Amino acid sequence: MDDIMEKFPNQRKRQKDFKCSIGFAMTVIGSKWGAIILWHILKSPHIRYGELKKSIPNISHKILSLELKRLEMDGLIERIAYPTIPPKVEYNLTEKGRSLDNILTELCLWGRKYMV
């Protein structure tokens, strides 16, 4: 378990005691917005903040910003800032983030099937 915690150093702060791998996985993906943000970045690599916000209209700017920082700290996404005027920032999945592709796709398919 310590090996897992080394790969996700911020995890110890959020979840002190989990007994199963699904619990750990859900805390890494995070809030209800975490998986949605990851899904949009997966489907649109090099997505900018404004595009991401338009793709998820019900999320506030504050929550989107906090979730992006958290996902970056966990090593699931990378933030690329370009030294331009006006500033340009893009988000991509890291290798660890891309490893969620099949999981997020299956969640999406399951949601479509059972959405009322």
Protein backbone atom coordinates (compact mmCIF):
# COMPACT_ATOMS: atom_id res chain seq x y z
CA MET A 1 0.00 0.00 0.00
CA ASP A 2 2.90 2.39 0.66
CA ASP A 3 3.97 1.93 -2.99
CA ILE A 4 0.52 3.17 -4.10
CA MET A 5 0.70 6.10 -1.70
CA GLU A 6 4.07 7.14 -3.15
CA LYS A 7 2.48 7.38 -6.61
CA PHE A 8 -0.36 9.54 -5.22
CA PRO A 9 1.32 11.61 -2.49
CA ASN A 10 -1.68 13.90 -1.90
CA GLN A 11 -3.99 10.95 -1.37
CA ARG A 12 -3.00 10.48 2.26
CA LYS A 13 -4.48 13.89 3.10
CA ARG A 14 -7.87 13.11 1.54
CA GLN A 15 -8.42 9.53 2.61
CA LYS A 16 -6.75 8.22 5.74
CA ASP A 17 -8.07 4.68 5.73
CA PHE A 18 -9.43 2.77 2.78
CA LYS A 19 -9.86 -0.97 2.89
CA CYS A 20 -10.30 -1.79 -0.79
CA SER A 21 -8.95 -0.74 -4.16
CA ILE A 22 -12.31 0.63 -5.38
CA GLY A 23 -12.31 3.06 -2.46
CA PHE A 24 -8.85 4.22 -3.38
CA ALA A 25 -9.76 4.55 -7.06
CA MET A 26 -12.84 6.62 -6.28
CA THR A 27 -10.88 9.02 -4.07
CA VAL A 28 -8.30 9.53 -6.82
CA ILE A 29 -10.98 10.25 -9.45
CA GLY A 30 -12.50 12.48 -6.81
CA SER A 31 -15.70 14.44 -6.69
CA LYS A 32 -18.61 14.16 -9.07
CA TRP A 33 -16.74 16.54 -11.38
CA GLY A 34 -13.40 14.69 -11.48
CA ALA A 35 -14.44 11.94 -13.87
CA ILE A 36 -16.36 14.41 -16.06
CA ILE A 37 -13.32 16.69 -16.39
CA LEU A 38 -11.08 13.72 -17.15
CA TRP A 39 -13.56 12.50 -19.77
CA HIS A 40 -13.59 15.85 -21.59
CA ILE A 41 -9.79 16.11 -21.55
CA LEU A 42 -9.59 12.52 -22.81
CA LYS A 43 -11.91 13.30 -25.72
CA SER A 44 -10.32 16.68 -26.54
CA PRO A 45 -6.56 16.61 -25.91
CA HIS A 46 -4.93 20.05 -25.64
CA ILE A 47 -8.20 21.51 -24.39
CA ARG A 48 -8.15 25.05 -23.07
CA TYR A 49 -9.86 26.20 -19.88
CA GLY A 50 -12.62 28.11 -21.70
CA GLU A 51 -13.42 25.13 -23.92
CA LEU A 52 -13.54 22.88 -20.89
CA LYS A 53 -15.88 25.29 -19.09
CA LYS A 54 -18.20 25.39 -22.13
CA SER A 55 -18.22 21.58 -22.24
CA ILE A 56 -19.31 21.42 -18.58
CA PRO A 57 -21.76 24.34 -18.23
CA ASN A 58 -23.06 23.42 -14.75
CA ILE A 59 -19.65 23.61 -13.06
CA SER A 60 -18.61 26.91 -11.48
CA HIS A 61 -15.30 28.54 -12.36
CA LYS A 62 -14.11 28.06 -8.78
CA ILE A 63 -14.85 24.33 -8.70
CA LEU A 64 -13.39 23.75 -12.17
CA SER A 65 -10.20 25.53 -11.16
CA LEU A 66 -9.92 23.58 -7.88
CA GLU A 67 -10.59 20.24 -9.59
CA LEU A 68 -8.01 20.93 -12.30
CA LYS A 69 -5.41 21.72 -9.63
CA ARG A 70 -6.28 18.56 -7.71
CA LEU A 71 -6.12 16.36 -10.82
CA GLU A 72 -2.78 17.94 -11.70
CA MET A 73 -1.42 17.33 -8.19
CA ASP A 74 -2.45 13.68 -8.47
CA GLY A 75 -0.56 13.41 -11.75
CA LEU A 76 -3.64 12.64 -13.88
CA ILE A 77 -3.46 15.78 -16.00
CA GLU A 78 -0.78 18.22 -17.03
CA ARG A 79 -1.19 21.95 -17.36
CA ILE A 80 0.78 23.54 -20.19
CA ALA A 81 1.16 27.31 -19.97
CA TYR A 82 2.37 29.17 -23.04
CA PRO A 83 4.21 32.49 -22.58
CA THR A 84 1.89 34.47 -24.83
CA ILE A 85 -0.27 37.54 -24.47
CA PRO A 86 -3.04 36.87 -23.68
CA PRO A 87 -1.94 33.85 -21.63
CA LYS A 88 -2.75 30.46 -23.13
CA VAL A 89 -3.13 27.32 -21.02
CA GLU A 90 -3.96 23.81 -22.23
CA TYR A 91 -4.71 20.62 -20.35
CA ASN A 92 -3.72 17.08 -21.34
CA LEU A 93 -3.92 13.72 -19.68
CA THR A 94 -0.70 12.24 -18.41
CA GLU A 95 0.12 8.59 -18.99
CA LYS A 96 -1.49 7.83 -15.62
CA GLY A 97 -4.58 9.79 -16.67
CA ARG A 98 -4.77 8.03 -20.04
CA SER A 99 -4.78 4.71 -18.22
CA LEU A 100 -8.34 5.62 -17.16
CA ASP A 101 -9.54 5.60 -20.79
CA ASN A 102 -11.26 2.18 -20.68
CA ILE A 103 -12.73 2.83 -17.24
CA LEU A 104 -14.20 6.21 -18.20
CA THR A 105 -15.49 4.84 -21.51
CA GLU A 106 -17.26 1.97 -19.72
CA LEU A 107 -18.75 4.40 -17.17
CA CYS A 108 -20.02 6.55 -20.04
CA LEU A 109 -21.56 3.56 -21.82
CA TRP A 110 -23.14 2.32 -18.62
CA GLY A 111 -24.58 5.79 -17.94
CA ARG A 112 -26.05 6.01 -21.45
CA LYS A 113 -27.66 2.60 -21.06
CA TYR A 114 -29.31 3.34 -17.71
CA MET A 115 -29.95 7.08 -18.03
CA VAL A 116 -33.63 7.83 -17.73
